[in-house]
Amino acid sequence: MKRIACTILLALGVLNLAGVADDAKCPVSGKPVDASVTRNVNGKTVAFCCENCPGALEKKLNTTDAGCDKCPISGKTADPKTRMLHSVTEAVYLCCAKCEKKYRETHKVAALKETTPGKCPVSGEPASADTFVVENGQKVYFCCNKCAGKYKQAHHVVMVDKGPGKCPISGEPADKERVVYQTKTQAVYFCCENCAAKYVKNEIEPKL
């Protein structure tokens, strides 16, 4: 277990006191981050280069925020400082190009940013185009499913893929090659950090 943990830390970067990798890049601009500018996404601290980028990422993740009201764990009045973004990316399969277009327009789902496989961020080996997770609106490629799983857990990336079933537009059998990745994010507030940790354990970690 210790050896696996060390491997992940070496591959993904050493964390500083703010819980951010020293060599982390802003998920919006790609520039070096300022560890004082952060958001909590699925229980993990994400840092940005400037104050403008967090809002840009929230928009990209289709974030909805009903405001700070009651803690979903204790039922007590929530604290704005505990704000967490609960983000899930779901694979939606369609039957044809017409249905895909309609689904994208209806649900306002943009196409993923095109990237090419380079080196697996976990092992350093050449990555495969068929093995990836969707993080912050783009694909991150890996050499194998084991590395993809490690990355999802380390980065708290929640991705749901139940495979092709019925097309949600036509009701016809979906095409496994015609898939849309839709990210939905909800801002959640808690009364304390303990409740936030319980939420991550109960609602997020089981899906990693």
N, C-alpha and C. Protein backbone atom coordinates (compact mmCIF):
# COMPACT_ATOMS: atom_id res chain seq x y z
N MET A 1 0.83 -1.21 0.00
CA MET A 1 0.00 0.00 0.00
C MET A 1 0.86 1.26 0.00
N LYS A 2 1.93 1.28 0.81
CA LYS A 2 2.82 2.44 0.87
C LYS A 2 3.50 2.66 -0.47
N ARG A 3 3.89 1.55 -1.13
CA ARG A 3 4.57 1.67 -2.41
C ARG A 3 3.65 2.29 -3.45
N ILE A 4 2.38 1.88 -3.46
CA ILE A 4 1.40 2.43 -4.40
C ILE A 4 1.19 3.91 -4.13
N ALA A 5 1.07 4.28 -2.86
CA ALA A 5 0.85 5.68 -2.51
C ALA A 5 2.02 6.54 -2.95
N CYS A 6 3.25 6.05 -2.76
CA CYS A 6 4.44 6.78 -3.18
C CYS A 6 4.47 6.96 -4.69
N THR A 7 4.07 5.91 -5.40
CA THR A 7 4.06 5.97 -6.87
C THR A 7 3.12 7.06 -7.35
N ILE A 8 1.93 7.14 -6.73
CA ILE A 8 0.96 8.16 -7.12
C ILE A 8 1.50 9.55 -6.83
N LEU A 9 2.14 9.74 -5.67
CA LEU A 9 2.66 11.05 -5.32
C LEU A 9 3.77 11.48 -6.27
N LEU A 10 4.63 10.54 -6.66
CA LEU A 10 5.71 10.86 -7.58
C LEU A 10 5.17 11.22 -8.95
N ALA A 11 4.11 10.51 -9.35
CA ALA A 11 3.55 10.74 -10.69
C ALA A 11 2.73 12.02 -10.76
N LEU A 12 2.01 12.34 -9.68
CA LEU A 12 1.08 13.47 -9.72
C LEU A 12 1.62 14.73 -9.06
N GLY A 13 2.75 14.65 -8.41
CA GLY A 13 3.34 15.83 -7.79
C GLY A 13 3.25 15.79 -6.28
N VAL A 14 4.21 16.46 -5.60
CA VAL A 14 4.22 16.51 -4.15
C VAL A 14 3.27 17.60 -3.69
N LEU A 15 2.45 17.31 -2.69
CA LEU A 15 1.46 18.26 -2.21
C LEU A 15 2.05 19.22 -1.20
N ASN A 16 1.66 20.51 -1.29
CA ASN A 16 2.07 21.48 -0.29
C ASN A 16 1.05 21.53 0.84
N LEU A 17 1.19 22.46 1.76
CA LEU A 17 0.31 22.50 2.92
C LEU A 17 -1.13 22.81 2.56
N ALA A 18 -1.36 23.42 1.40
CA ALA A 18 -2.72 23.75 0.98
C ALA A 18 -3.37 22.57 0.26
N GLY A 19 -2.65 21.45 0.14
CA GLY A 19 -3.20 20.29 -0.54
C GLY A 19 -3.12 20.39 -2.04
N VAL A 20 -2.22 21.25 -2.55
CA VAL A 20 -2.06 21.46 -3.98
C VAL A 20 -0.67 21.02 -4.39
N ALA A 21 -0.55 20.29 -5.51
CA ALA A 21 0.75 19.85 -5.99
C ALA A 21 1.62 21.06 -6.31
N ASP A 22 2.91 20.99 -5.95
CA ASP A 22 3.82 22.11 -6.17
C ASP A 22 3.97 22.46 -7.64
N ASP A 23 3.81 21.46 -8.51
CA ASP A 23 3.95 21.71 -9.95
C ASP A 23 2.60 21.76 -10.66
N ALA A 24 1.52 22.00 -9.89
CA ALA A 24 0.17 22.01 -10.46
C ALA A 24 0.00 23.14 -11.46
N LYS A 25 -0.84 22.90 -12.47
CA LYS A 25 -1.17 23.89 -13.48
C LYS A 25 -2.65 24.25 -13.35
N CYS A 26 -2.96 25.49 -13.64
CA CYS A 26 -4.35 25.95 -13.61
C CYS A 26 -5.16 25.17 -14.64
N PRO A 27 -6.31 24.59 -14.27
CA PRO A 27 -7.10 23.80 -15.20
C PRO A 27 -7.77 24.63 -16.30
N VAL A 28 -7.73 25.95 -16.16
CA VAL A 28 -8.33 26.83 -17.16
C VAL A 28 -7.27 27.40 -18.10
N SER A 29 -6.22 28.00 -17.54
CA SER A 29 -5.20 28.67 -18.36
C SER A 29 -3.98 27.81 -18.66
N GLY A 30 -3.74 26.80 -17.80
CA GLY A 30 -2.53 25.97 -17.96
C GLY A 30 -1.30 26.60 -17.34
N LYS A 31 -1.46 27.75 -16.69
CA LYS A 31 -0.33 28.44 -16.07
C LYS A 31 -0.09 27.91 -14.65
N PRO A 32 1.10 28.20 -14.07
CA PRO A 32 1.35 27.81 -12.68
C PRO A 32 0.30 28.42 -11.76
N VAL A 33 -0.05 27.70 -10.70
CA VAL A 33 -1.15 28.13 -9.84
C VAL A 33 -0.71 29.01 -8.68
N ASP A 34 -1.68 29.74 -8.15
CA ASP A 34 -1.54 30.48 -6.91
C ASP A 34 -2.31 29.67 -5.88
N ALA A 35 -1.63 29.08 -4.90
CA ALA A 35 -2.27 28.18 -3.94
C ALA A 35 -3.30 28.86 -3.07
N SER A 36 -3.41 30.19 -3.13
CA SER A 36 -4.41 30.90 -2.34
C SER A 36 -5.73 31.06 -3.09
N VAL A 37 -5.73 30.70 -4.39
CA VAL A 37 -6.95 30.82 -5.21
C VAL A 37 -7.43 29.41 -5.52
N THR A 38 -8.44 28.95 -4.82
CA THR A 38 -8.86 27.54 -4.94
C THR A 38 -10.37 27.37 -4.96
N ARG A 39 -10.78 26.17 -5.35
CA ARG A 39 -12.15 25.70 -5.22
C ARG A 39 -12.08 24.25 -4.72
N ASN A 40 -13.11 23.84 -4.00
CA ASN A 40 -13.22 22.46 -3.54
C ASN A 40 -14.11 21.71 -4.54
N VAL A 41 -13.52 20.79 -5.27
CA VAL A 41 -14.28 20.00 -6.26
C VAL A 41 -14.26 18.54 -5.83
N ASN A 42 -15.42 18.01 -5.47
CA ASN A 42 -15.54 16.62 -5.02
C ASN A 42 -14.62 16.29 -3.85
N GLY A 43 -14.42 17.27 -2.99
CA GLY A 43 -13.59 17.03 -1.81
C GLY A 43 -12.12 17.23 -2.02
N LYS A 44 -11.71 17.66 -3.21
CA LYS A 44 -10.30 17.89 -3.51
C LYS A 44 -10.07 19.36 -3.82
N THR A 45 -8.97 19.91 -3.31
CA THR A 45 -8.65 21.31 -3.56
C THR A 45 -8.07 21.48 -4.95
N VAL A 46 -8.69 22.36 -5.74
CA VAL A 46 -8.21 22.68 -7.08
C VAL A 46 -7.75 24.13 -7.07
N ALA A 47 -6.51 24.38 -7.48
CA ALA A 47 -5.95 25.73 -7.46
C ALA A 47 -5.92 26.34 -8.87
N PHE A 48 -5.91 27.67 -8.91
CA PHE A 48 -5.94 28.41 -10.17
C PHE A 48 -4.84 29.46 -10.20
N CYS A 49 -4.63 30.03 -11.36
CA CYS A 49 -3.57 31.02 -11.51
C CYS A 49 -4.02 32.42 -11.08
N CYS A 50 -5.33 32.67 -11.15
CA CYS A 50 -5.84 34.00 -10.84
C CYS A 50 -7.31 33.92 -10.41
N GLU A 51 -7.87 35.04 -10.01
CA GLU A 51 -9.24 35.08 -9.51
C GLU A 51 -10.29 34.90 -10.60
N ASN A 52 -9.91 35.08 -11.86
CA ASN A 52 -10.87 34.96 -12.96
C ASN A 52 -11.15 33.51 -13.35
N CYS A 53 -10.18 32.64 -13.14
CA CYS A 53 -10.30 31.26 -13.63
C CYS A 53 -11.30 30.38 -12.88
N PRO A 54 -11.48 30.52 -11.55
CA PRO A 54 -12.48 29.66 -10.89
C PRO A 54 -13.87 29.79 -11.49
N GLY A 55 -14.28 31.02 -11.80
CA GLY A 55 -15.60 31.21 -12.39
C GLY A 55 -15.70 30.57 -13.77
N ALA A 56 -14.59 30.65 -14.53
CA ALA A 56 -14.57 30.05 -15.86
C ALA A 56 -14.71 28.53 -15.77
N LEU A 57 -14.06 27.92 -14.77
CA LEU A 57 -14.17 26.48 -14.60
C LEU A 57 -15.58 26.09 -14.17
N GLU A 58 -16.17 26.85 -13.25
CA GLU A 58 -17.53 26.53 -12.80
C GLU A 58 -18.51 26.59 -13.96
N LYS A 59 -18.33 27.53 -14.85
CA LYS A 59 -19.19 27.63 -16.03
C LYS A 59 -18.99 26.41 -16.93
N LYS A 60 -17.74 26.01 -17.09
CA LYS A 60 -17.40 24.86 -17.92
C LYS A 60 -17.99 23.57 -17.35
N LEU A 61 -18.08 23.50 -16.03
CA LEU A 61 -18.60 22.31 -15.36
C LEU A 61 -20.12 22.35 -15.19
N ASN A 62 -20.76 23.35 -15.79
CA ASN A 62 -22.23 23.49 -15.70
C ASN A 62 -22.70 23.52 -14.25
N THR A 63 -22.13 24.43 -13.49
CA THR A 63 -22.41 24.51 -12.06
C THR A 63 -23.72 25.24 -11.77
N THR A 64 -24.53 24.63 -10.90
CA THR A 64 -25.72 25.29 -10.39
C THR A 64 -25.54 25.52 -8.89
N ASP A 65 -26.04 26.66 -8.41
CA ASP A 65 -25.86 27.01 -7.00
C ASP A 65 -27.17 27.58 -6.46
N ALA A 66 -27.85 26.80 -5.61
CA ALA A 66 -29.12 27.22 -5.03
C ALA A 66 -28.92 28.09 -3.80
N GLY A 67 -27.65 28.32 -3.44
CA GLY A 67 -27.37 29.15 -2.29
C GLY A 67 -27.09 28.36 -1.02
N CYS A 68 -26.57 29.05 -0.03
CA CYS A 68 -26.20 28.42 1.24
C CYS A 68 -27.41 28.39 2.17
N ASP A 69 -27.88 27.19 2.50
CA ASP A 69 -29.07 27.06 3.34
C ASP A 69 -28.80 26.07 4.47
N LYS A 70 -29.24 24.81 4.28
CA LYS A 70 -29.08 23.80 5.31
C LYS A 70 -28.01 22.77 4.93
N CYS A 71 -27.29 22.31 5.91
CA CYS A 71 -26.29 21.26 5.70
C CYS A 71 -27.03 19.95 5.36
N PRO A 72 -26.65 19.26 4.27
CA PRO A 72 -27.34 18.03 3.89
C PRO A 72 -27.06 16.86 4.83
N ILE A 73 -26.08 17.01 5.71
CA ILE A 73 -25.74 15.94 6.65
C ILE A 73 -26.43 16.15 8.00
N SER A 74 -26.28 17.33 8.58
CA SER A 74 -26.81 17.59 9.93
C SER A 74 -28.15 18.29 9.92
N GLY A 75 -28.47 18.99 8.83
CA GLY A 75 -29.70 19.77 8.79
C GLY A 75 -29.56 21.14 9.42
N LYS A 76 -28.38 21.45 9.95
CA LYS A 76 -28.13 22.74 10.59
C LYS A 76 -27.85 23.81 9.52
N THR A 77 -27.81 25.06 9.95
CA THR A 77 -27.50 26.17 9.04
C THR A 77 -26.09 25.99 8.48
N ALA A 78 -25.97 26.11 7.18
CA ALA A 78 -24.68 25.87 6.52
C ALA A 78 -23.79 27.11 6.56
N ASP A 79 -22.49 26.87 6.42
CA ASP A 79 -21.48 27.92 6.43
C ASP A 79 -20.99 28.13 4.99
N PRO A 80 -21.05 29.35 4.46
CA PRO A 80 -20.61 29.61 3.08
C PRO A 80 -19.17 29.18 2.80
N LYS A 81 -18.33 29.18 3.85
CA LYS A 81 -16.93 28.84 3.68
C LYS A 81 -16.72 27.36 3.35
N THR A 82 -17.74 26.53 3.57
CA THR A 82 -17.60 25.08 3.32
C THR A 82 -18.03 24.69 1.91
N ARG A 83 -18.29 25.64 1.05
CA ARG A 83 -18.81 25.39 -0.29
C ARG A 83 -17.98 24.34 -1.05
N MET A 84 -18.67 23.33 -1.57
CA MET A 84 -18.04 22.25 -2.34
C MET A 84 -18.80 22.08 -3.65
N LEU A 85 -18.07 21.82 -4.72
CA LEU A 85 -18.68 21.53 -6.01
C LEU A 85 -18.75 20.01 -6.18
N HIS A 86 -19.97 19.48 -6.21
CA HIS A 86 -20.16 18.04 -6.44
C HIS A 86 -20.35 17.86 -7.94
N SER A 87 -19.32 17.36 -8.60
CA SER A 87 -19.31 17.29 -10.07
C SER A 87 -19.28 15.85 -10.56
N VAL A 88 -20.17 15.54 -11.50
CA VAL A 88 -20.26 14.19 -12.08
C VAL A 88 -20.34 14.29 -13.59
N THR A 89 -19.52 13.51 -14.29
CA THR A 89 -19.58 13.46 -15.74
C THR A 89 -20.20 12.12 -16.15
N GLU A 90 -21.26 12.19 -16.95
CA GLU A 90 -21.98 10.99 -17.37
C GLU A 90 -21.84 10.79 -18.87
N ALA A 91 -21.61 9.54 -19.27
CA ALA A 91 -21.58 9.18 -20.68
C ALA A 91 -23.00 8.92 -21.15
N VAL A 92 -23.46 9.68 -22.14
CA VAL A 92 -24.81 9.54 -22.68
C VAL A 92 -24.71 9.06 -24.12
N TYR A 93 -25.32 7.93 -24.42
CA TYR A 93 -25.23 7.33 -25.75
C TYR A 93 -26.48 7.66 -26.57
N LEU A 94 -26.26 8.03 -27.83
CA LEU A 94 -27.33 8.37 -28.75
C LEU A 94 -27.36 7.41 -29.92
N CYS A 95 -28.46 7.43 -30.69
CA CYS A 95 -28.59 6.48 -31.80
C CYS A 95 -28.09 7.02 -33.13
N CYS A 96 -28.11 8.35 -33.31
CA CYS A 96 -27.74 8.93 -34.61
C CYS A 96 -27.27 10.36 -34.44
N ALA A 97 -26.75 10.93 -35.53
CA ALA A 97 -26.22 12.30 -35.49
C ALA A 97 -27.32 13.31 -35.19
N LYS A 98 -28.53 13.07 -35.71
CA LYS A 98 -29.64 13.99 -35.49
C LYS A 98 -30.00 14.05 -34.01
N CYS A 99 -30.07 12.90 -33.37
CA CYS A 99 -30.40 12.85 -31.94
C CYS A 99 -29.27 13.46 -31.10
N GLU A 100 -28.03 13.21 -31.51
CA GLU A 100 -26.90 13.79 -30.77
C GLU A 100 -26.97 15.32 -30.82
N LYS A 101 -27.23 15.86 -32.00
CA LYS A 101 -27.32 17.31 -32.15
C LYS A 101 -28.43 17.88 -31.27
N LYS A 102 -29.58 17.21 -31.29
CA LYS A 102 -30.72 17.68 -30.50
C LYS A 102 -30.41 17.62 -29.01
N TYR A 103 -29.75 16.52 -28.58
CA TYR A 103 -29.40 16.38 -27.16
C TYR A 103 -28.43 17.47 -26.73
N ARG A 104 -27.41 17.72 -27.55
CA ARG A 104 -26.43 18.75 -27.21
C ARG A 104 -27.10 20.12 -27.10
N GLU A 105 -27.98 20.42 -28.03
CA GLU A 105 -28.65 21.72 -28.02
C GLU A 105 -29.59 21.85 -26.83
N THR A 106 -30.36 20.81 -26.54
CA THR A 106 -31.33 20.84 -25.45
C THR A 106 -30.65 20.95 -24.09
N HIS A 107 -29.56 20.20 -23.92
CA HIS A 107 -28.87 20.15 -22.62
C HIS A 107 -27.65 21.06 -22.56
N LYS A 108 -27.41 21.80 -23.64
CA LYS A 108 -26.27 22.73 -23.71
C LYS A 108 -24.95 22.03 -23.40
N VAL A 109 -24.71 20.93 -24.11
CA VAL A 109 -23.49 20.15 -23.91
C VAL A 109 -22.52 20.45 -25.06
N ALA A 110 -21.40 21.05 -24.75
CA ALA A 110 -20.40 21.36 -25.77
C ALA A 110 -19.53 20.13 -26.01
N ALA A 111 -18.93 20.07 -27.18
CA ALA A 111 -18.01 18.98 -27.50
C ALA A 111 -16.77 19.09 -26.61
N LEU A 112 -16.18 17.96 -26.28
CA LEU A 112 -14.97 17.97 -25.46
C LEU A 112 -13.82 18.60 -26.21
N LYS A 113 -12.93 19.25 -25.48
CA LYS A 113 -11.73 19.80 -26.07
C LYS A 113 -10.88 18.65 -26.59
N GLU A 114 -10.49 18.72 -27.86
CA GLU A 114 -9.73 17.64 -28.48
C GLU A 114 -8.29 17.63 -27.97
N THR A 115 -7.89 16.49 -27.47
CA THR A 115 -6.50 16.30 -27.03
C THR A 115 -6.01 14.96 -27.58
N THR A 116 -4.72 14.78 -27.62
CA THR A 116 -4.14 13.54 -28.12
C THR A 116 -3.40 12.82 -27.00
N PRO A 117 -3.41 11.48 -27.00
CA PRO A 117 -2.69 10.73 -25.96
C PRO A 117 -1.20 11.03 -26.01
N GLY A 118 -0.65 11.27 -24.85
CA GLY A 118 0.80 11.44 -24.75
C GLY A 118 1.32 10.37 -23.81
N LYS A 119 1.86 10.79 -22.69
CA LYS A 119 2.31 9.84 -21.68
C LYS A 119 1.27 9.74 -20.58
N CYS A 120 1.11 8.55 -20.05
CA CYS A 120 0.18 8.32 -18.94
C CYS A 120 0.67 9.14 -17.74
N PRO A 121 -0.19 9.97 -17.13
CA PRO A 121 0.24 10.81 -16.01
C PRO A 121 0.54 10.03 -14.73
N VAL A 122 0.19 8.75 -14.70
CA VAL A 122 0.47 7.93 -13.52
C VAL A 122 1.75 7.12 -13.68
N SER A 123 1.85 6.37 -14.79
CA SER A 123 3.00 5.48 -14.99
C SER A 123 4.12 6.10 -15.82
N GLY A 124 3.79 7.10 -16.64
CA GLY A 124 4.79 7.68 -17.54
C GLY A 124 4.94 6.91 -18.84
N GLU A 125 4.17 5.81 -19.00
CA GLU A 125 4.21 5.01 -20.22
C GLU A 125 3.33 5.66 -21.30
N PRO A 126 3.52 5.27 -22.57
CA PRO A 126 2.65 5.81 -23.64
C PRO A 126 1.18 5.53 -23.33
N ALA A 127 0.33 6.54 -23.49
CA ALA A 127 -1.10 6.40 -23.19
C ALA A 127 -1.87 5.88 -24.39
N SER A 128 -3.04 5.31 -24.13
CA SER A 128 -3.90 4.77 -25.18
C SER A 128 -5.11 5.68 -25.38
N ALA A 129 -5.52 5.84 -26.63
CA ALA A 129 -6.68 6.68 -26.95
C ALA A 129 -7.98 6.07 -26.44
N ASP A 130 -7.95 4.78 -26.12
CA ASP A 130 -9.16 4.09 -25.67
C ASP A 130 -9.33 4.08 -24.15
N THR A 131 -8.32 4.57 -23.44
CA THR A 131 -8.37 4.56 -21.97
C THR A 131 -8.25 5.98 -21.45
N PHE A 132 -9.33 6.52 -20.92
CA PHE A 132 -9.33 7.91 -20.50
C PHE A 132 -10.40 8.17 -19.44
N VAL A 133 -10.28 9.32 -18.78
CA VAL A 133 -11.36 9.85 -17.94
C VAL A 133 -11.59 11.27 -18.40
N VAL A 134 -12.79 11.78 -18.17
CA VAL A 134 -13.12 13.15 -18.55
C VAL A 134 -13.00 14.03 -17.30
N GLU A 135 -12.06 14.96 -17.34
CA GLU A 135 -11.84 15.86 -16.21
C GLU A 135 -11.83 17.30 -16.70
N ASN A 136 -12.63 18.14 -16.09
CA ASN A 136 -12.71 19.56 -16.45
C ASN A 136 -12.96 19.79 -17.93
N GLY A 137 -13.84 18.94 -18.51
CA GLY A 137 -14.24 19.15 -19.89
C GLY A 137 -13.28 18.66 -20.94
N GLN A 138 -12.30 17.83 -20.56
CA GLN A 138 -11.42 17.26 -21.56
C GLN A 138 -10.95 15.88 -21.14
N LYS A 139 -10.50 15.10 -22.12
CA LYS A 139 -10.07 13.74 -21.84
C LYS A 139 -8.63 13.72 -21.33
N VAL A 140 -8.39 12.89 -20.32
CA VAL A 140 -7.05 12.62 -19.81
C VAL A 140 -6.78 11.15 -20.10
N TYR A 141 -5.73 10.86 -20.85
CA TYR A 141 -5.47 9.49 -21.33
C TYR A 141 -4.47 8.74 -20.44
N PHE A 142 -4.63 7.39 -20.43
CA PHE A 142 -3.80 6.53 -19.60
C PHE A 142 -3.33 5.31 -20.38
N CYS A 143 -2.37 4.62 -19.81
CA CYS A 143 -1.85 3.42 -20.47
C CYS A 143 -2.72 2.20 -20.18
N CYS A 144 -3.47 2.24 -19.07
CA CYS A 144 -4.29 1.09 -18.70
C CYS A 144 -5.40 1.53 -17.75
N ASN A 145 -6.37 0.65 -17.55
CA ASN A 145 -7.49 0.97 -16.66
C ASN A 145 -7.06 1.11 -15.20
N LYS A 146 -6.01 0.39 -14.82
CA LYS A 146 -5.52 0.47 -13.44
C LYS A 146 -5.03 1.89 -13.15
N CYS A 147 -4.28 2.45 -14.08
CA CYS A 147 -3.78 3.82 -13.89
C CYS A 147 -4.92 4.82 -13.92
N ALA A 148 -5.91 4.59 -14.78
CA ALA A 148 -7.07 5.47 -14.85
C ALA A 148 -7.81 5.48 -13.51
N GLY A 149 -7.94 4.29 -12.90
CA GLY A 149 -8.60 4.18 -11.60
C GLY A 149 -7.84 4.92 -10.51
N LYS A 150 -6.51 4.80 -10.51
CA LYS A 150 -5.69 5.49 -9.52
C LYS A 150 -5.84 7.01 -9.67
N TYR A 151 -5.86 7.47 -10.91
CA TYR A 151 -5.98 8.90 -11.19
C TYR A 151 -7.33 9.42 -10.71
N LYS A 152 -8.40 8.68 -10.99
CA LYS A 152 -9.74 9.09 -10.57
C LYS A 152 -9.80 9.24 -9.06
N GLN A 153 -9.21 8.30 -8.34
CA GLN A 153 -9.23 8.37 -6.88
C GLN A 153 -8.39 9.53 -6.36
N ALA A 154 -7.20 9.73 -6.94
CA ALA A 154 -6.32 10.79 -6.49
C ALA A 154 -6.88 12.18 -6.80
N HIS A 155 -7.59 12.31 -7.92
CA HIS A 155 -8.13 13.60 -8.35
C HIS A 155 -9.61 13.77 -8.05
N HIS A 156 -10.22 12.76 -7.45
CA HIS A 156 -11.65 12.80 -7.13
C HIS A 156 -12.50 13.08 -8.38
N VAL A 157 -12.19 12.38 -9.46
CA VAL A 157 -12.94 12.51 -10.70
C VAL A 157 -14.08 11.49 -10.72
N VAL A 158 -15.31 11.94 -10.75
CA VAL A 158 -16.46 11.04 -10.79
C VAL A 158 -16.97 10.97 -12.23
N MET A 159 -16.89 9.79 -12.81
CA MET A 159 -17.32 9.58 -14.19
C MET A 159 -18.18 8.34 -14.26
N VAL A 160 -19.40 8.48 -14.76
CA VAL A 160 -20.36 7.38 -14.83
C VAL A 160 -20.55 6.96 -16.28
N ASP A 161 -20.31 5.69 -16.56
CA ASP A 161 -20.49 5.17 -17.91
C ASP A 161 -21.17 3.80 -17.81
N LYS A 162 -22.47 3.79 -18.04
CA LYS A 162 -23.25 2.55 -17.95
C LYS A 162 -23.33 1.81 -19.28
N GLY A 163 -22.68 2.38 -20.31
CA GLY A 163 -22.72 1.74 -21.62
C GLY A 163 -23.97 2.11 -22.39
N PRO A 164 -24.02 1.77 -23.68
CA PRO A 164 -25.18 2.11 -24.51
C PRO A 164 -26.42 1.33 -24.11
N GLY A 165 -27.52 2.04 -24.01
CA GLY A 165 -28.82 1.41 -23.76
C GLY A 165 -29.80 1.96 -24.77
N LYS A 166 -30.80 2.70 -24.30
CA LYS A 166 -31.76 3.34 -25.19
C LYS A 166 -31.36 4.80 -25.40
N CYS A 167 -31.50 5.27 -26.62
CA CYS A 167 -31.25 6.68 -26.92
C CYS A 167 -32.26 7.53 -26.15
N PRO A 168 -31.82 8.53 -25.39
CA PRO A 168 -32.75 9.34 -24.60
C PRO A 168 -33.65 10.24 -25.45
N ILE A 169 -33.34 10.38 -26.73
CA ILE A 169 -34.15 11.21 -27.62
C ILE A 169 -35.19 10.38 -28.37
N SER A 170 -34.74 9.32 -29.04
CA SER A 170 -35.64 8.53 -29.88
C SER A 170 -36.20 7.30 -29.20
N GLY A 171 -35.50 6.82 -28.18
CA GLY A 171 -35.91 5.58 -27.52
C GLY A 171 -35.42 4.34 -28.24
N GLU A 172 -34.69 4.54 -29.35
CA GLU A 172 -34.13 3.42 -30.10
C GLU A 172 -32.82 2.96 -29.45
N PRO A 173 -32.34 1.73 -29.81
CA PRO A 173 -31.05 1.28 -29.27
C PRO A 173 -29.94 2.27 -29.62
N ALA A 174 -29.12 2.62 -28.65
CA ALA A 174 -28.06 3.61 -28.86
C ALA A 174 -26.84 2.98 -29.53
N ASP A 175 -26.07 3.83 -30.18
CA ASP A 175 -24.83 3.42 -30.85
C ASP A 175 -23.68 3.61 -29.87
N LYS A 176 -22.92 2.55 -29.64
CA LYS A 176 -21.82 2.62 -28.67
C LYS A 176 -20.72 3.59 -29.09
N GLU A 177 -20.69 3.94 -30.38
CA GLU A 177 -19.67 4.86 -30.89
C GLU A 177 -20.14 6.32 -30.83
N ARG A 178 -21.42 6.54 -30.54
CA ARG A 178 -21.94 7.92 -30.52
C ARG A 178 -22.27 8.28 -29.07
N VAL A 179 -21.31 8.90 -28.42
CA VAL A 179 -21.46 9.19 -27.00
C VAL A 179 -21.16 10.65 -26.70
N VAL A 180 -21.95 11.22 -25.81
CA VAL A 180 -21.78 12.59 -25.35
C VAL A 180 -21.43 12.54 -23.87
N TYR A 181 -20.41 13.31 -23.47
CA TYR A 181 -20.02 13.35 -22.06
C TYR A 181 -20.56 14.63 -21.44
N GLN A 182 -21.54 14.45 -20.57
CA GLN A 182 -22.23 15.59 -19.96
C GLN A 182 -21.82 15.74 -18.50
N THR A 183 -21.32 16.91 -18.16
CA THR A 183 -20.91 17.18 -16.78
C THR A 183 -21.96 18.04 -16.08
N LYS A 184 -22.38 17.59 -14.92
CA LYS A 184 -23.33 18.34 -14.10
C LYS A 184 -22.70 18.57 -12.72
N THR A 185 -22.77 19.79 -12.26
CA THR A 185 -22.12 20.15 -11.00
C THR A 185 -23.07 20.96 -10.12
N GLN A 186 -23.11 20.59 -8.86
CA GLN A 186 -23.98 21.29 -7.91
C GLN A 186 -23.15 21.79 -6.74
N ALA A 187 -23.35 23.04 -6.36
CA ALA A 187 -22.67 23.59 -5.19
C ALA A 187 -23.40 23.11 -3.93
N VAL A 188 -22.62 22.57 -2.99
CA VAL A 188 -23.18 22.04 -1.75
C VAL A 188 -22.50 22.74 -0.57
N TYR A 189 -23.28 23.07 0.45
CA TYR A 189 -22.75 23.76 1.63
C TYR A 189 -23.01 22.92 2.88
N PHE A 190 -22.12 23.06 3.86
CA PHE A 190 -22.20 22.26 5.09
C PHE A 190 -22.09 23.16 6.32
N CYS A 191 -22.42 22.59 7.48
CA CYS A 191 -22.31 23.35 8.72
C CYS A 191 -20.89 23.33 9.26
N CYS A 192 -20.12 22.30 8.89
CA CYS A 192 -18.76 22.16 9.40
C CYS A 192 -17.95 21.25 8.49
N GLU A 193 -16.65 21.22 8.69
CA GLU A 193 -15.77 20.39 7.87
C GLU A 193 -16.01 18.90 8.08
N ASN A 194 -16.45 18.53 9.29
CA ASN A 194 -16.73 17.11 9.56
C ASN A 194 -17.87 16.61 8.67
N CYS A 195 -18.90 17.43 8.52
CA CYS A 195 -20.03 17.04 7.67
C CYS A 195 -19.60 16.99 6.20
N ALA A 196 -18.74 17.91 5.82
CA ALA A 196 -18.23 17.90 4.44
C ALA A 196 -17.47 16.60 4.17
N ALA A 197 -16.67 16.17 5.15
CA ALA A 197 -15.92 14.93 5.01
C ALA A 197 -16.85 13.72 4.92
N LYS A 198 -17.93 13.73 5.72
CA LYS A 198 -18.91 12.64 5.67
C LYS A 198 -19.59 12.59 4.31
N TYR A 199 -19.90 13.76 3.76
CA TYR A 199 -20.54 13.83 2.44
C TYR A 199 -19.63 13.22 1.37
N VAL A 200 -18.34 13.57 1.42
CA VAL A 200 -17.39 13.01 0.46
C VAL A 200 -17.32 11.50 0.58
N LYS A 201 -17.27 11.01 1.82
CA LYS A 201 -17.18 9.58 2.07
C LYS A 201 -18.42 8.82 1.59
N ASN A 202 -19.59 9.43 1.80
CA ASN A 202 -20.85 8.74 1.48
C ASN A 202 -21.33 8.94 0.04
N GLU A 203 -21.12 10.13 -0.51
CA GLU A 203 -21.69 10.48 -1.81
C GLU A 203 -20.70 10.49 -2.97
N ILE A 204 -19.42 10.68 -2.67
CA ILE A 204 -18.43 10.85 -3.75
C ILE A 204 -17.46 9.68 -3.85
N GLU A 205 -16.83 9.32 -2.75
CA GLU A 205 -15.82 8.26 -2.79
C GLU A 205 -16.34 6.93 -3.34
N PRO A 206 -17.60 6.51 -3.03
CA PRO A 206 -18.10 5.24 -3.59
C PRO A 206 -18.18 5.24 -5.12
N LYS A 207 -18.21 6.42 -5.74
CA LYS A 207 -18.36 6.50 -7.19
C LYS A 207 -17.02 6.75 -7.90
N LEU A 208 -15.94 6.89 -7.13
CA LEU A 208 -14.63 7.15 -7.74
C LEU A 208 -14.10 5.91 -8.44
